[in-house]
């Protein structure tokens, strides 16, 4: 483990392939089973076969089962040769439990397969890519995969996972995003409520710029779940940057529910640990936590980055305010911003 020399990509996911569904963090309780069934039914309508794991349709104390049971369920799907991708229903709070129970050396020796998700799922995705060199997909959760989903960006997960080694994927920023979504308990097939105009922004040295372009291997995840990995074997970002130094690294982060002061503190934790040293660029997703009158999420970014030369794109289509891009951890990325519109091209090289 950690001796990998190149990024390895799973085989393209095609209709007829089998997708495994398990909840390595929070499970889905009975009131939301209708929503879960709609989403699984939609995968089947798209032509995929679906197999459910044992840790899925229950939730207690933020988890779908014991840490051993959740790890066993995940690894059973990983080892099943017919399963070509694993898609959790959503994130949660405590996927960090699983990391000591996963044999990443075994994973590194095996055939790559896609794992797709965001929020707490990024805890696993980040560790997998940094430890094994396997590409993982940070993007749409299963519970957002309903028929006719509003907008096109979140639906691009299919195009991304259908791309093989040597292929390219171009993603453009959305036209609008969601602030408040429907209650799935009452509307199991509800789509996004895209009401707010999307505008990506960028600053360098604390000053906003209208256009920027940078390149590098891209990786990232949820701020609240990645920051606890700093200083652990599962968050050796400095080691990854050293390995990829000739190409450079682009980091992306998104925040789930934290207030600006909390987000600022986590970003400073990362900065003091060297995470932002020598980055080609940083992308910050739209924050879902509320601003305060005294200190906003934008204030937090200025607090952390005003005295650095890192280009920081923010309000990007990543994270908990959908729609969102599906970004492949480990891929070679070209990121462009002009006039509020963002563009991310990834090459599976």
Protein backbone atom coordinates (compact mmCIF):
# COMPACT_ATOMS: atom_id res chain seq x y z
CA UNK A 1 0.00 0.00 0.00
CA UNK A 2 1.09 3.55 -0.83
CA UNK A 3 3.57 2.19 -3.44
CA UNK A 4 1.22 2.83 -6.36
CA UNK A 5 2.81 4.46 -9.38
CA UNK A 6 -0.19 5.62 -11.40
CA UNK A 7 -3.90 6.26 -11.09
CA UNK A 8 -5.98 3.21 -11.99
CA UNK A 9 -9.48 3.62 -13.38
CA UNK A 10 -12.41 1.21 -13.16
CA UNK A 11 -13.91 -0.24 -16.30
CA UNK A 12 -16.65 1.92 -17.84
CA UNK A 13 -20.03 1.31 -16.22
CA UNK A 14 -22.59 0.21 -18.80
CA UNK A 15 -26.30 -0.71 -18.77
CA UNK A 16 -26.53 -4.36 -17.87
CA UNK A 17 -23.83 -4.02 -15.21
CA UNK A 18 -24.63 -4.59 -11.55
CA UNK A 19 -24.59 -1.75 -9.00
CA UNK A 20 -24.28 -2.61 -5.31
CA UNK A 21 -26.15 -0.48 -2.78
CA UNK A 22 -24.92 -0.30 0.82
CA UNK A 23 -24.83 2.38 3.51
CA UNK A 24 -21.34 2.53 5.03
CA UNK A 25 -22.43 5.50 7.14
CA UNK A 26 -26.09 6.41 7.75
CA UNK A 27 -28.82 4.00 6.68
CA UNK A 28 -32.32 4.66 5.37
CA UNK A 29 -35.18 4.32 7.86
CA UNK A 30 -38.69 3.16 6.94
CA UNK A 31 -40.24 6.62 6.28
CA UNK A 32 -37.79 7.13 3.41
CA UNK A 33 -38.00 3.63 1.94
CA UNK A 34 -40.43 4.88 -0.74
CA UNK A 35 -37.80 7.38 -1.88
CA UNK A 36 -35.13 4.68 -1.82
CA UNK A 37 -37.35 2.39 -3.89
CA UNK A 38 -37.97 5.14 -6.46
CA UNK A 39 -34.23 5.66 -6.87
CA UNK A 40 -33.40 1.96 -7.09
CA UNK A 41 -36.25 1.51 -9.55
CA UNK A 42 -34.81 4.33 -11.65
CA UNK A 43 -31.43 2.58 -11.82
CA UNK A 44 -33.18 -0.54 -13.05
CA UNK A 45 -35.10 1.49 -15.63
CA UNK A 46 -31.76 2.84 -16.87
CA UNK A 47 -30.74 -0.77 -17.53
CA UNK A 48 -28.60 -1.56 -14.50
CA UNK A 49 -28.98 -4.57 -12.26
CA UNK A 50 -29.10 -3.77 -8.55
CA UNK A 51 -28.09 -5.77 -5.51
CA UNK A 52 -28.76 -4.48 -2.00
CA UNK A 53 -26.40 -5.00 0.89
CA UNK A 54 -27.48 -5.96 4.40
CA UNK A 55 -26.63 -2.53 5.86
CA UNK A 56 -29.06 -0.26 4.07
CA UNK A 57 -32.70 -0.17 5.21
CA UNK A 58 -32.19 0.67 8.87
CA UNK A 59 -30.58 3.47 10.85
CA UNK A 60 -29.84 3.89 14.55
CA UNK A 61 -27.48 6.37 16.20
CA UNK A 62 -26.48 7.72 12.75
CA UNK A 63 -25.39 4.34 11.34
CA UNK A 64 -26.85 1.46 9.35
CA UNK A 65 -25.18 -1.19 11.52
CA UNK A 66 -22.14 -1.94 13.63
CA UNK A 67 -18.81 -0.78 12.26
CA UNK A 68 -17.83 -4.41 11.62
CA UNK A 69 -21.11 -5.16 9.83
CA UNK A 70 -20.86 -2.06 7.64
CA UNK A 71 -17.26 -2.83 6.68
CA UNK A 72 -18.16 -6.46 5.93
CA UNK A 73 -21.09 -5.36 3.76
CA UNK A 74 -18.96 -2.92 1.80
CA UNK A 75 -16.16 -5.41 1.27
CA UNK A 76 -18.58 -8.14 0.22
CA UNK A 77 -19.82 -5.93 -2.61
CA UNK A 78 -16.26 -4.94 -3.48
CA UNK A 79 -15.21 -8.59 -3.73
CA UNK A 80 -18.28 -9.67 -5.75
CA UNK A 81 -17.06 -9.94 -9.36
CA UNK A 82 -20.49 -9.14 -10.81
CA UNK A 83 -20.70 -5.80 -8.97
CA UNK A 84 -19.13 -3.07 -11.11
CA UNK A 85 -20.00 -0.04 -8.96
CA UNK A 86 -20.99 0.71 -5.35
CA UNK A 87 -23.37 3.60 -4.65
CA UNK A 88 -24.34 4.47 -1.06
CA UNK A 89 -27.76 6.08 -0.56
CA UNK A 90 -26.14 9.18 0.95
CA UNK A 91 -23.45 10.16 3.46
CA UNK A 92 -23.93 10.52 7.19
CA UNK A 93 -21.72 11.12 10.20
CA UNK A 94 -19.51 8.17 11.11
CA UNK A 95 -17.97 6.50 8.09
CA UNK A 96 -14.65 7.17 9.82
CA UNK A 97 -15.49 4.07 11.93
CA UNK A 98 -14.83 1.84 8.93
CA UNK A 99 -11.33 2.95 7.98
CA UNK A 100 -9.45 0.64 10.40
CA UNK A 101 -11.69 -2.25 9.30
CA UNK A 102 -10.96 -1.94 5.58
CA UNK A 103 -8.02 -3.82 4.09
CA UNK A 104 -6.76 -1.15 1.69
CA UNK A 105 -3.86 -3.38 0.70
CA UNK A 106 -6.35 -5.97 -0.52
CA UNK A 107 -8.23 -3.25 -2.38
CA UNK A 108 -5.02 -2.05 -4.00
CA UNK A 109 -4.37 -5.56 -5.36
CA UNK A 110 -7.87 -5.97 -6.77
CA UNK A 111 -9.60 -4.79 -9.92
CA UNK A 112 -10.85 -1.19 -9.51
CA UNK A 113 -14.58 -0.53 -9.43
CA UNK A 114 -16.45 2.71 -9.05
CA UNK A 115 -17.60 4.03 -5.70
CA UNK A 116 -19.81 7.10 -6.11
CA UNK A 117 -21.10 9.61 -3.57
CA UNK A 118 -20.38 12.72 -1.56
CA UNK A 119 -20.68 14.07 2.00
CA UNK A 120 -19.44 11.40 4.46
CA UNK A 121 -18.84 9.00 1.57
CA UNK A 122 -15.90 11.23 0.63
CA UNK A 123 -14.16 9.97 3.79
CA UNK A 124 -13.81 6.60 2.07
CA UNK A 125 -13.19 8.01 -1.41
CA UNK A 126 -10.31 10.22 -0.31
CA UNK A 127 -8.64 7.42 1.67
CA UNK A 128 -9.05 4.96 -1.20
CA UNK A 129 -7.51 7.20 -3.84
CA UNK A 130 -4.59 8.38 -1.70
CA UNK A 131 -3.79 4.91 -0.31
CA UNK A 132 -4.39 2.72 -3.38
CA UNK A 133 -4.13 5.01 -6.41
CA UNK A 134 -7.61 3.98 -7.54
CA UNK A 135 -9.88 6.63 -9.01
CA UNK A 136 -13.12 7.28 -7.11
CA UNK A 137 -16.13 9.42 -8.02
CA UNK A 138 -17.27 12.33 -5.84
CA UNK A 139 -20.77 13.15 -7.06
CA UNK A 140 -24.46 12.44 -7.01
CA UNK A 141 -25.85 10.30 -4.19
CA UNK A 142 -28.32 7.51 -4.92
CA UNK A 143 -31.13 9.36 -3.12
CA UNK A 144 -30.88 12.16 -5.70
CA UNK A 145 -31.27 9.78 -8.65
CA UNK A 146 -34.95 10.13 -9.49
CA UNK A 147 -36.58 9.96 -12.92
CA UNK A 148 -36.43 13.26 -14.80
CA UNK A 149 -34.22 14.95 -12.21
CA UNK A 150 -34.22 18.74 -12.66
CA UNK A 151 -31.25 20.12 -14.59
CA UNK A 152 -28.62 18.02 -16.32
CA UNK A 153 -25.49 18.40 -14.20
CA UNK A 154 -26.27 15.81 -11.50
CA UNK A 155 -27.44 13.37 -14.17
CA UNK A 156 -23.96 13.43 -15.73
CA UNK A 157 -22.82 10.78 -13.22
CA UNK A 158 -23.70 8.20 -15.88
CA UNK A 159 -21.43 9.83 -18.47
CA UNK A 160 -18.57 10.06 -15.98
CA UNK A 161 -18.77 6.44 -14.83
CA UNK A 162 -19.13 5.27 -18.45
CA UNK A 163 -15.75 6.82 -19.30
CA UNK A 164 -12.72 4.57 -19.44
CA UNK A 165 -8.97 5.03 -19.18
CA UNK A 166 -7.80 7.64 -21.67
CA UNK A 167 -11.22 9.24 -21.97
CA UNK A 168 -12.25 12.82 -21.22
CA UNK A 169 -15.29 14.35 -19.54
CA UNK A 170 -16.31 18.02 -19.79
CA UNK A 171 -18.60 19.49 -17.13
CA UNK A 172 -20.05 22.99 -17.10
CA UNK A 173 -21.52 24.91 -14.18
CA UNK A 174 -25.28 24.84 -13.68
CA UNK A 175 -27.73 27.62 -14.46
CA UNK A 176 -29.44 27.46 -11.06
CA UNK A 177 -29.14 25.69 -7.73
CA UNK A 178 -31.31 24.60 -4.81
CA UNK A 179 -31.49 26.35 -1.45
CA UNK A 180 -34.36 24.37 0.06
CA UNK A 181 -35.50 21.02 -1.23
CA UNK A 182 -38.78 19.09 -0.92
CA UNK A 183 -39.62 16.70 1.90
CA UNK A 184 -39.04 13.23 0.54
CA UNK A 185 -41.33 11.66 3.15
CA UNK A 186 -44.23 13.46 1.46
CA UNK A 187 -42.92 13.45 -2.12
CA UNK A 188 -40.87 10.30 -2.73
CA UNK A 189 -40.18 11.14 -6.39
CA UNK A 190 -39.55 14.88 -5.88
CA UNK A 191 -36.90 16.55 -8.01
CA UNK A 192 -34.52 19.40 -7.16
CA UNK A 193 -36.03 22.82 -6.57
CA UNK A 194 -33.54 24.92 -8.56
CA UNK A 195 -34.41 28.55 -7.78
CA UNK A 196 -31.12 30.46 -7.29
CA UNK A 197 -28.88 31.64 -10.16
CA UNK A 198 -25.47 29.99 -10.19
CA UNK A 199 -22.37 32.17 -10.32
CA UNK A 200 -18.92 30.81 -9.64
CA UNK A 201 -16.45 33.31 -8.20
CA UNK A 202 -12.68 33.39 -7.69
CA UNK A 203 -10.19 35.29 -5.59
CA UNK A 204 -6.39 35.48 -5.42
CA UNK A 205 -4.64 37.29 -2.56
CA UNK A 206 -8.07 38.37 -1.34
CA UNK A 207 -8.98 40.13 -4.59
CA UNK A 208 -11.73 38.85 -6.85
CA UNK A 209 -10.85 38.05 -10.44
CA UNK A 210 -13.19 37.49 -13.38
CA UNK A 211 -11.26 34.69 -15.02
CA UNK A 212 -8.77 32.01 -14.03
CA UNK A 213 -7.39 28.74 -15.38
CA UNK A 214 -5.36 26.07 -13.59
CA UNK A 215 -4.47 22.40 -14.02
CA UNK A 216 -3.48 19.40 -11.92
CA UNK A 217 -4.60 16.07 -10.54
CA UNK A 218 -7.87 16.69 -8.72
CA UNK A 219 -9.03 15.29 -5.39
CA UNK A 220 -11.16 16.40 -2.48
CA UNK A 221 -14.35 15.92 -0.50
CA UNK A 222 -16.41 17.17 2.41
CA UNK A 223 -14.64 19.62 4.74
CA UNK A 224 -16.34 18.29 7.87
CA UNK A 225 -15.34 14.68 7.18
CA UNK A 226 -11.90 15.19 5.65
CA UNK A 227 -10.55 17.57 8.28
CA UNK A 228 -10.59 14.82 10.97
CA UNK A 229 -8.33 12.74 8.70
CA UNK A 230 -5.54 15.35 8.85
CA UNK A 231 -2.50 13.79 10.54
CA UNK A 232 -3.79 10.22 10.19
CA UNK A 233 -2.68 7.51 7.73
CA UNK A 234 -5.96 8.06 5.86
CA UNK A 235 -5.33 11.76 5.24
CA UNK A 236 -1.75 11.86 3.98
CA UNK A 237 -2.38 14.64 1.50
CA UNK A 238 1.19 15.90 1.64
CA UNK A 239 2.36 12.46 0.53
CA UNK A 240 -0.04 12.55 -2.40
CA UNK A 241 1.17 16.01 -3.43
CA UNK A 242 4.77 14.81 -3.33
CA UNK A 243 3.88 11.83 -5.50
CA UNK A 244 2.07 14.03 -8.04
CA UNK A 245 4.41 17.00 -7.78
CA UNK A 246 5.36 17.15 -11.47
CA UNK A 247 1.68 17.53 -12.45
CA UNK A 248 0.42 19.61 -9.53
CA UNK A 249 -2.71 19.03 -7.46
CA UNK A 250 -6.12 20.70 -7.43
CA UNK A 251 -8.05 20.32 -4.17
CA UNK A 252 -11.82 20.68 -3.90
CA UNK A 253 -13.80 21.01 -0.67
CA UNK A 254 -17.45 21.46 0.19
CA UNK A 255 -19.07 22.24 3.51
CA UNK A 256 -22.12 20.60 5.06
CA UNK A 257 -23.99 22.71 7.57
CA UNK A 258 -21.05 24.22 9.44
CA UNK A 259 -21.31 27.83 10.51
CA UNK A 260 -18.67 30.15 9.03
CA UNK A 261 -16.56 30.18 12.19
CA UNK A 262 -16.49 26.38 12.29
CA UNK A 263 -15.59 26.18 8.60
CA UNK A 264 -12.85 28.77 9.14
CA UNK A 265 -11.38 26.74 11.98
CA UNK A 266 -11.32 23.54 9.91
CA UNK A 267 -9.70 25.33 6.97
CA UNK A 268 -7.04 26.74 9.29
CA UNK A 269 -6.43 23.23 10.63
CA UNK A 270 -5.76 22.09 7.09
CA UNK A 271 -3.61 25.11 6.33
CA UNK A 272 -1.43 24.62 9.41
CA UNK A 273 -0.99 20.96 8.41
CA UNK A 274 0.29 22.02 4.98
CA UNK A 275 -2.71 20.95 2.92
CA UNK A 276 -2.78 24.20 0.96
CA UNK A 277 0.96 24.38 0.29
CA UNK A 278 1.91 24.28 -3.40
CA UNK A 279 -1.60 23.73 -4.71
CA UNK A 280 -2.31 24.46 -8.35
CA UNK A 281 -5.74 25.67 -7.26
CA UNK A 282 -8.57 25.21 -4.79
CA UNK A 283 -12.30 24.82 -5.51
CA UNK A 284 -14.85 25.44 -2.75
CA UNK A 285 -18.44 24.28 -3.16
CA UNK A 286 -21.49 26.25 -2.11
CA UNK A 287 -21.77 26.11 1.71
CA UNK A 288 -25.04 24.88 3.18
CA UNK A 289 -24.43 26.38 6.63
CA UNK A 290 -26.01 29.75 7.38
CA UNK A 291 -24.03 32.98 7.42
CA UNK A 292 -24.16 35.28 10.42
CA UNK A 293 -24.33 39.06 10.33
CA UNK A 294 -20.88 39.34 11.86
CA UNK A 295 -19.02 36.60 9.98
CA UNK A 296 -19.93 34.97 6.67
CA UNK A 297 -18.53 32.02 4.74
CA UNK A 298 -16.89 34.55 2.43
CA UNK A 299 -15.30 36.19 5.48
CA UNK A 300 -13.93 32.76 6.41
CA UNK A 301 -12.30 32.35 2.99
CA UNK A 302 -10.71 35.80 3.24
CA UNK A 303 -9.49 34.97 6.75
CA UNK A 304 -7.72 31.82 5.57
CA UNK A 305 -6.51 32.71 2.07
CA UNK A 306 -6.00 36.48 1.74
CA UNK A 307 -2.26 36.24 2.34
CA UNK A 308 -1.75 33.33 -0.07
CA UNK A 309 -1.38 33.20 -3.84
CA UNK A 310 -3.64 30.18 -4.23
CA UNK A 311 -6.41 30.76 -6.77
CA UNK A 312 -9.60 29.98 -4.83
CA UNK A 313 -12.77 29.33 -6.81
CA UNK A 314 -15.86 29.36 -4.63
CA UNK A 315 -19.64 28.88 -4.94
CA UNK A 316 -18.91 25.94 -7.25
CA UNK A 317 -21.32 23.13 -8.14
CA UNK A 318 -19.95 20.72 -5.53
CA UNK A 319 -21.67 19.44 -2.42
CA UNK A 320 -24.84 19.79 -0.40
CA UNK A 321 -26.67 22.48 -2.40
CA UNK A 322 -27.44 20.65 -5.66
CA UNK A 323 -26.93 20.17 -8.52
CA UNK A 324 -23.34 19.02 -8.44
CA UNK A 325 -20.60 17.83 -10.68
CA UNK A 326 -19.30 14.28 -10.51
CA UNK A 327 -15.55 14.75 -10.14
CA UNK A 328 -13.16 11.82 -10.41
CA UNK A 329 -10.54 11.79 -7.66
CA UNK A 330 -7.14 11.25 -9.24
CA UNK A 331 -8.00 12.40 -12.75
CA UNK A 332 -6.05 15.10 -14.58
CA UNK A 333 -8.17 18.24 -14.48
CA UNK A 334 -8.27 21.57 -16.26
CA UNK A 335 -10.39 24.10 -14.38
CA UNK A 336 -11.56 27.35 -15.97
CA UNK A 337 -13.71 30.23 -14.77
CA UNK A 338 -14.87 33.16 -16.85
CA UNK A 339 -17.64 35.64 -16.14
CA UNK A 340 -19.20 33.50 -13.41
CA UNK A 341 -19.31 30.33 -15.51
CA UNK A 342 -17.20 27.34 -14.52
CA UNK A 343 -15.81 24.52 -16.60
CA UNK A 344 -14.00 21.38 -15.44
CA UNK A 345 -12.47 18.99 -17.94
CA UNK A 346 -11.08 15.75 -16.58
CA UNK A 347 -8.88 13.28 -18.43
CA UNK A 348 -8.61 9.71 -17.19
CA UNK A 349 -4.86 9.59 -17.72
